[in-house]
Each structure stands twice: as structure tokens, then as C-alpha cells.
Amino acid sequence: MPAISSCATSGSSWITRVVRLAFLSPEIVDAVLAGTIPAHVDGLQLTQGEGIAGCWERQRLRYL
């Protein structure tokens, strides 16, 4: 992560939060793109806190 953040204009904290989005399940990504994700799920919820669960089923239960 330090190598990536040194090339970017943002800090490593921001990059860490954004990289988490790469691990979203395809079902969640589809819901975001289709605009059908529940209203309580926003960018802050997805990028802050304890992070995104590695298990797609746990993600589905939490976000959909």
C-alpha cells in the first residue's frame, strides 16, 4: 500500500478504503449500478468501519 499511496495524491488511508471496494461481491456491485441497493447503504458505510467481509454471503446479508 505505501508504494501505491506514494504515487497518488491522496493518502494511504483513502487508498485503503477505496481498495476495499474491489472485494465487493458481484451481486452488491450490480445492485449499486442498478440503483437498487438499500438507501441505508452508502459510500461511507462501504469504505469505513470494520471493512467489507470477505465472504460474499455475509456481504449480502449485511448490505442487501
PDB file of N, CA and C in Angstrom:
ATOM      1  N   MET A   1       0.810  -1.185   0.000  1.00  0.00           N
ATOM      2  CA  MET A   1       0.000   0.000   0.000  1.00  0.00           C
ATOM      3  C   MET A   1       0.864   1.264   0.000  1.00  0.00           C
ATOM      4  N   PRO A   2       1.989   1.292   0.699  1.00  0.00           N
ATOM      5  CA  PRO A   2       2.807   2.509   0.672  1.00  0.00           C
ATOM      6  C   PRO A   2       3.268   2.885  -0.735  1.00  0.00           C
ATOM      7  N   ALA A   3       3.598   1.887  -1.563  1.00  0.00           N
ATOM      8  CA  ALA A   3       4.047   2.187  -2.921  1.00  0.00           C
ATOM      9  C   ALA A   3       2.934   2.835  -3.735  1.00  0.00           C
ATOM     10  N   ILE A   4       1.721   2.369  -3.562  1.00  0.00           N
ATOM     11  CA  ILE A   4       0.588   2.948  -4.283  1.00  0.00           C
ATOM     12  C   ILE A   4       0.321   4.356  -3.781  1.00  0.00           C
ATOM     13  N   SER A   5       0.309   4.548  -2.462  1.00  0.00           N
ATOM     14  CA  SER A   5      -0.025   5.865  -1.927  1.00  0.00           C
ATOM     15  C   SER A   5       1.044   6.899  -2.243  1.00  0.00           C
ATOM     16  N   SER A   6       2.281   6.466  -2.445  1.00  0.00           N
ATOM     17  CA  SER A   6       3.317   7.439  -2.786  1.00  0.00           C
ATOM     18  C   SER A   6       3.145   7.961  -4.216  1.00  0.00           C
ATOM     19  N   CYS A   7       2.475   7.207  -5.058  1.00  0.00           N
ATOM     20  CA  CYS A   7       2.225   7.631  -6.436  1.00  0.00           C
ATOM     21  C   CYS A   7       0.938   8.441  -6.556  1.00  0.00           C
ATOM     22  N   ALA A   8       0.097   8.349  -5.582  1.00  0.00           N
ATOM     23  CA  ALA A   8      -1.196   9.026  -5.644  1.00  0.00           C
ATOM     24  C   ALA A   8      -1.156  10.344  -4.880  1.00  0.00           C
ATOM     25  N   THR A   9      -2.115  11.202  -5.194  1.00  0.00           N
ATOM     26  CA  THR A   9      -2.187  12.480  -4.485  1.00  0.00           C
ATOM     27  C   THR A   9      -2.906  12.341  -3.155  1.00  0.00           C
ATOM     28  N   SER A  10      -3.640  11.267  -2.953  1.00  0.00           N
ATOM     29  CA  SER A  10      -4.345  11.033  -1.705  1.00  0.00           C
ATOM     30  C   SER A  10      -3.475  10.209  -0.772  1.00  0.00           C
ATOM     31  N   GLY A  11      -3.825  10.209   0.490  1.00  0.00           N
ATOM     32  CA  GLY A  11      -3.066   9.459   1.473  1.00  0.00           C
ATOM     33  C   GLY A  11      -3.384   7.979   1.459  1.00  0.00           C
ATOM     34  N   SER A  12      -2.593   7.217   2.187  1.00  0.00           N
ATOM     35  CA  SER A  12      -2.768   5.768   2.215  1.00  0.00           C
ATOM     36  C   SER A  12      -4.089   5.362   2.862  1.00  0.00           C
ATOM     37  N   SER A  13      -4.608   6.166   3.774  1.00  0.00           N
ATOM     38  CA  SER A  13      -5.887   5.846   4.411  1.00  0.00           C
ATOM     39  C   SER A  13      -7.011   5.833   3.378  1.00  0.00           C
ATOM     40  N   TRP A  14      -7.043   6.840   2.510  1.00  0.00           N
ATOM     41  CA  TRP A  14      -8.073   6.903   1.475  1.00  0.00           C
ATOM     42  C   TRP A  14      -7.934   5.733   0.510  1.00  0.00           C
ATOM     43  N   ILE A  15      -6.718   5.429   0.113  1.00  0.00           N
ATOM     44  CA  ILE A  15      -6.480   4.335  -0.830  1.00  0.00           C
ATOM     45  C   ILE A  15      -6.909   3.007  -0.213  1.00  0.00           C
ATOM     46  N   THR A  16      -6.616   2.811   1.056  1.00  0.00           N
ATOM     47  CA  THR A  16      -7.040   1.585   1.742  1.00  0.00           C
ATOM     48  C   THR A  16      -8.551   1.445   1.696  1.00  0.00           C
ATOM     49  N   ARG A  17      -9.272   2.531   1.955  1.00  0.00           N
ATOM     50  CA  ARG A  17     -10.740   2.476   1.944  1.00  0.00           C
ATOM     51  C   ARG A  17     -11.270   2.170   0.550  1.00  0.00           C
ATOM     52  N   VAL A  18     -10.688   2.761  -0.462  1.00  0.00           N
ATOM     53  CA  VAL A  18     -11.170   2.559  -1.830  1.00  0.00           C
ATOM     54  C   VAL A  18     -10.842   1.151  -2.328  1.00  0.00           C
ATOM     55  N   VAL A  19      -9.685   0.633  -1.962  1.00  0.00           N
ATOM     56  CA  VAL A  19      -9.295  -0.718  -2.391  1.00  0.00           C
ATOM     57  C   VAL A  19     -10.276  -1.749  -1.845  1.00  0.00           C
ATOM     58  N   ARG A  20     -10.857  -1.489  -0.691  1.00  0.00           N
ATOM     59  CA  ARG A  20     -11.856  -2.415  -0.136  1.00  0.00           C
ATOM     60  C   ARG A  20     -13.001  -2.674  -1.112  1.00  0.00           C
ATOM     61  N   LEU A  21     -13.344  -1.669  -1.898  1.00  0.00           N
ATOM     62  CA  LEU A  21     -14.460  -1.811  -2.836  1.00  0.00           C
ATOM     63  C   LEU A  21     -14.203  -2.883  -3.889  1.00  0.00           C
ATOM     64  N   ALA A  22     -12.948  -3.197  -4.130  1.00  0.00           N
ATOM     65  CA  ALA A  22     -12.609  -4.240  -5.104  1.00  0.00           C
ATOM     66  C   ALA A  22     -13.061  -5.618  -4.636  1.00  0.00           C
ATOM     67  N   PHE A  23     -13.364  -5.747  -3.350  1.00  0.00           N
ATOM     68  CA  PHE A  23     -13.745  -7.044  -2.794  1.00  0.00           C
ATOM     69  C   PHE A  23     -15.250  -7.191  -2.583  1.00  0.00           C
ATOM     70  N   LEU A  24     -16.016  -6.255  -3.118  1.00  0.00           N
ATOM     71  CA  LEU A  24     -17.470  -6.391  -3.053  1.00  0.00           C
ATOM     72  C   LEU A  24     -17.925  -7.527  -3.954  1.00  0.00           C
ATOM     73  N   SER A  25     -18.952  -8.217  -3.512  1.00  0.00           N
ATOM     74  CA  SER A  25     -19.487  -9.304  -4.325  1.00  0.00           C
ATOM     75  C   SER A  25     -20.112  -8.735  -5.593  1.00  0.00           C
ATOM     76  N   PRO A  26     -20.133  -9.526  -6.651  1.00  0.00           N
ATOM     77  CA  PRO A  26     -20.777  -9.071  -7.890  1.00  0.00           C
ATOM     78  C   PRO A  26     -22.239  -8.679  -7.680  1.00  0.00           C
ATOM     79  N   GLU A  27     -22.924  -9.347  -6.777  1.00  0.00           N
ATOM     80  CA  GLU A  27     -24.328  -9.039  -6.504  1.00  0.00           C
ATOM     81  C   GLU A  27     -24.478  -7.621  -5.936  1.00  0.00           C
ATOM     82  N   ILE A  28     -23.566  -7.233  -5.056  1.00  0.00           N
ATOM     83  CA  ILE A  28     -23.607  -5.886  -4.470  1.00  0.00           C
ATOM     84  C   ILE A  28     -23.260  -4.844  -5.543  1.00  0.00           C
ATOM     85  N   VAL A  29     -22.240  -5.116  -6.327  1.00  0.00           N
ATOM     86  CA  VAL A  29     -21.856  -4.194  -7.399  1.00  0.00           C
ATOM     87  C   VAL A  29     -23.029  -4.004  -8.360  1.00  0.00           C
ATOM     88  N   ASP A  30     -23.695  -5.081  -8.726  1.00  0.00           N
ATOM     89  CA  ASP A  30     -24.852  -4.991  -9.618  1.00  0.00           C
ATOM     90  C   ASP A  30     -25.957  -4.130  -9.007  1.00  0.00           C
ATOM     91  N   ALA A  31     -26.199  -4.307  -7.695  1.00  0.00           N
ATOM     92  CA  ALA A  31     -27.243  -3.525  -7.023  1.00  0.00           C
ATOM     93  C   ALA A  31     -26.878  -2.044  -6.987  1.00  0.00           C
ATOM     94  N   VAL A  32     -25.615  -1.730  -6.772  1.00  0.00           N
ATOM     95  CA  VAL A  32     -25.178  -0.328  -6.783  1.00  0.00           C
ATOM     96  C   VAL A  32     -25.385   0.268  -8.173  1.00  0.00           C
ATOM     97  N   LEU A  33     -24.934  -0.443  -9.192  1.00  0.00           N
ATOM     98  CA  LEU A  33     -25.043   0.075 -10.560  1.00  0.00           C
ATOM     99  C   LEU A  33     -26.488   0.188 -11.029  1.00  0.00           C
ATOM    100  N   ALA A  34     -27.350  -0.717 -10.561  1.00  0.00           N
ATOM    101  CA  ALA A  34     -28.765  -0.683 -10.957  1.00  0.00           C
ATOM    102  C   ALA A  34     -29.570   0.302 -10.121  1.00  0.00           C
ATOM    103  N   GLY A  35     -28.967   0.813  -9.046  1.00  0.00           N
ATOM    104  CA  GLY A  35     -29.680   1.741  -8.178  1.00  0.00           C
ATOM    105  C   GLY A  35     -30.672   1.068  -7.262  1.00  0.00           C
ATOM    106  N   THR A  36     -30.482  -0.226  -7.026  1.00  0.00           N
ATOM    107  CA  THR A  36     -31.419  -0.974  -6.186  1.00  0.00           C
ATOM    108  C   THR A  36     -30.847  -1.310  -4.814  1.00  0.00           C
ATOM    109  N   ILE A  37     -29.663  -0.804  -4.507  1.00  0.00           N
ATOM    110  CA  ILE A  37     -29.070  -1.050  -3.186  1.00  0.00           C
ATOM    111  C   ILE A  37     -29.932  -0.297  -2.163  1.00  0.00           C
ATOM    112  N   PRO A  38     -30.157  -0.869  -0.989  1.00  0.00           N
ATOM    113  CA  PRO A  38     -30.982  -0.179   0.002  1.00  0.00           C
ATOM    114  C   PRO A  38     -30.441   1.222   0.328  1.00  0.00           C
ATOM    115  N   ALA A  39     -31.345   2.125   0.665  1.00  0.00           N
ATOM    116  CA  ALA A  39     -30.984   3.519   0.922  1.00  0.00           C
ATOM    117  C   ALA A  39     -30.006   3.669   2.081  1.00  0.00           C
ATOM    118  N   HIS A  40     -30.031   2.738   3.039  1.00  0.00           N
ATOM    119  CA  HIS A  40     -29.132   2.861   4.201  1.00  0.00           C
ATOM    120  C   HIS A  40     -27.679   2.519   3.871  1.00  0.00           C
ATOM    121  N   VAL A  41     -27.445   1.933   2.710  1.00  0.00           N
ATOM    122  CA  VAL A  41     -26.085   1.577   2.304  1.00  0.00           C
ATOM    123  C   VAL A  41     -25.537   2.709   1.437  1.00  0.00           C
ATOM    124  N   ASP A  42     -24.480   3.334   1.926  1.00  0.00           N
ATOM    125  CA  ASP A  42     -23.867   4.414   1.161  1.00  0.00           C
ATOM    126  C   ASP A  42     -22.358   4.210   1.091  1.00  0.00           C
ATOM    127  N   GLY A  43     -21.695   5.114   0.412  1.00  0.00           N
ATOM    128  CA  GLY A  43     -20.254   5.001   0.236  1.00  0.00           C
ATOM    129  C   GLY A  43     -19.485   4.982   1.542  1.00  0.00           C
ATOM    130  N   LEU A  44     -19.936   5.757   2.511  1.00  0.00           N
ATOM    131  CA  LEU A  44     -19.251   5.764   3.802  1.00  0.00           C
ATOM    132  C   LEU A  44     -19.353   4.410   4.495  1.00  0.00           C
ATOM    133  N   GLN A  45     -20.531   3.811   4.439  1.00  0.00           N
ATOM    134  CA  GLN A  45     -20.710   2.509   5.078  1.00  0.00           C
ATOM    135  C   GLN A  45     -19.817   1.460   4.417  1.00  0.00           C
ATOM    136  N   LEU A  46     -19.640   1.559   3.123  1.00  0.00           N
ATOM    137  CA  LEU A  46     -18.841   0.575   2.405  1.00  0.00           C
ATOM    138  C   LEU A  46     -17.337   0.785   2.574  1.00  0.00           C
ATOM    139  N   THR A  47     -16.916   2.009   2.849  1.00  0.00           N
ATOM    140  CA  THR A  47     -15.478   2.276   2.899  1.00  0.00           C
ATOM    141  C   THR A  47     -14.940   2.541   4.292  1.00  0.00           C
ATOM    142  N   GLN A  48     -15.793   2.688   5.275  1.00  0.00           N
ATOM    143  CA  GLN A  48     -15.317   2.949   6.625  1.00  0.00           C
ATOM    144  C   GLN A  48     -15.766   1.849   7.567  1.00  0.00           C
ATOM    145  N   GLY A  49     -15.328   1.927   8.790  1.00  0.00           N
ATOM    146  CA  GLY A  49     -15.695   0.928   9.772  1.00  0.00           C
ATOM    147  C   GLY A  49     -14.774  -0.271   9.716  1.00  0.00           C
ATOM    148  N   GLU A  50     -15.334  -1.424  10.035  1.00  0.00           N
ATOM    149  CA  GLU A  50     -14.516  -2.637  10.119  1.00  0.00           C
ATOM    150  C   GLU A  50     -14.161  -3.230   8.770  1.00  0.00           C
ATOM    151  N   GLY A  51     -14.680  -2.655   7.717  1.00  0.00           N
ATOM    152  CA  GLY A  51     -14.330  -3.135   6.389  1.00  0.00           C
ATOM    153  C   GLY A  51     -15.374  -4.063   5.812  1.00  0.00           C
ATOM    154  N   ILE A  52     -15.108  -4.517   4.643  1.00  0.00           N
ATOM    155  CA  ILE A  52     -16.028  -5.377   3.911  1.00  0.00           C
ATOM    156  C   ILE A  52     -15.683  -6.831   4.192  1.00  0.00           C
ATOM    157  N   ALA A  53     -16.688  -7.595   4.549  1.00  0.00           N
ATOM    158  CA  ALA A  53     -16.477  -9.018   4.831  1.00  0.00           C
ATOM    159  C   ALA A  53     -15.949  -9.722   3.590  1.00  0.00           C
ATOM    160  N   GLY A  54     -15.062 -10.669   3.790  1.00  0.00           N
ATOM    161  CA  GLY A  54     -14.505 -11.421   2.675  1.00  0.00           C
ATOM    162  C   GLY A  54     -15.485 -12.431   2.096  1.00  0.00           C
ATOM    163  N   CYS A  55     -16.461 -12.802   2.879  1.00  0.00           N
ATOM    164  CA  CYS A  55     -17.463 -13.779   2.455  1.00  0.00           C
ATOM    165  C   CYS A  55     -18.625 -13.050   1.771  1.00  0.00           C
ATOM    166  N   TRP A  56     -18.885 -13.403   0.525  1.00  0.00           N
ATOM    167  CA  TRP A  56     -19.941 -12.723  -0.222  1.00  0.00           C
ATOM    168  C   TRP A  56     -21.315 -12.926   0.405  1.00  0.00           C
ATOM    169  N   GLU A  57     -21.549 -14.054   1.019  1.00  0.00           N
ATOM    170  CA  GLU A  57     -22.841 -14.289   1.675  1.00  0.00           C
ATOM    171  C   GLU A  57     -23.019 -13.317   2.845  1.00  0.00           C
ATOM    172  N   ARG A  58     -21.974 -13.102   3.626  1.00  0.00           N
ATOM    173  CA  ARG A  58     -22.046 -12.141   4.736  1.00  0.00           C
ATOM    174  C   ARG A  58     -22.275 -10.729   4.207  1.00  0.00           C
ATOM    175  N   GLN A  59     -21.683 -10.390   3.081  1.00  0.00           N
ATOM    176  CA  GLN A  59     -21.912  -9.087   2.468  1.00  0.00           C
ATOM    177  C   GLN A  59     -23.374  -8.940   2.071  1.00  0.00           C
ATOM    178  N   ARG A  60     -23.908  -9.981   1.456  1.00  0.00           N
ATOM    179  CA  ARG A  60     -25.312  -9.933   1.021  1.00  0.00           C
ATOM    180  C   ARG A  60     -26.234  -9.721   2.206  1.00  0.00           C
ATOM    181  N   LEU A  61     -25.995 -10.438   3.300  1.00  0.00           N
ATOM    182  CA  LEU A  61     -26.834 -10.294   4.491  1.00  0.00           C
ATOM    183  C   LEU A  61     -26.716  -8.899   5.106  1.00  0.00           C
ATOM    184  N   ARG A  62     -25.540  -8.333   5.027  1.00  0.00           N
ATOM    185  CA  ARG A  62     -25.326  -7.022   5.648  1.00  0.00           C
ATOM    186  C   ARG A  62     -25.828  -5.863   4.797  1.00  0.00           C
ATOM    187  N   TYR A  63     -25.635  -5.926   3.497  1.00  0.00           N
ATOM    188  CA  TYR A  63     -25.918  -4.780   2.655  1.00  0.00           C
ATOM    189  C   TYR A  63     -27.192  -4.876   1.818  1.00  0.00           C
ATOM    190  N   LEU A  64     -27.727  -6.074   1.604  1.00  0.00           N
ATOM    191  CA  LEU A  64     -28.920  -6.189   0.748  1.00  0.00           C
ATOM    192  C   LEU A  64     -30.147  -6.572   1.518  1.00  0.00           C
TER     193      LEU A  64
END
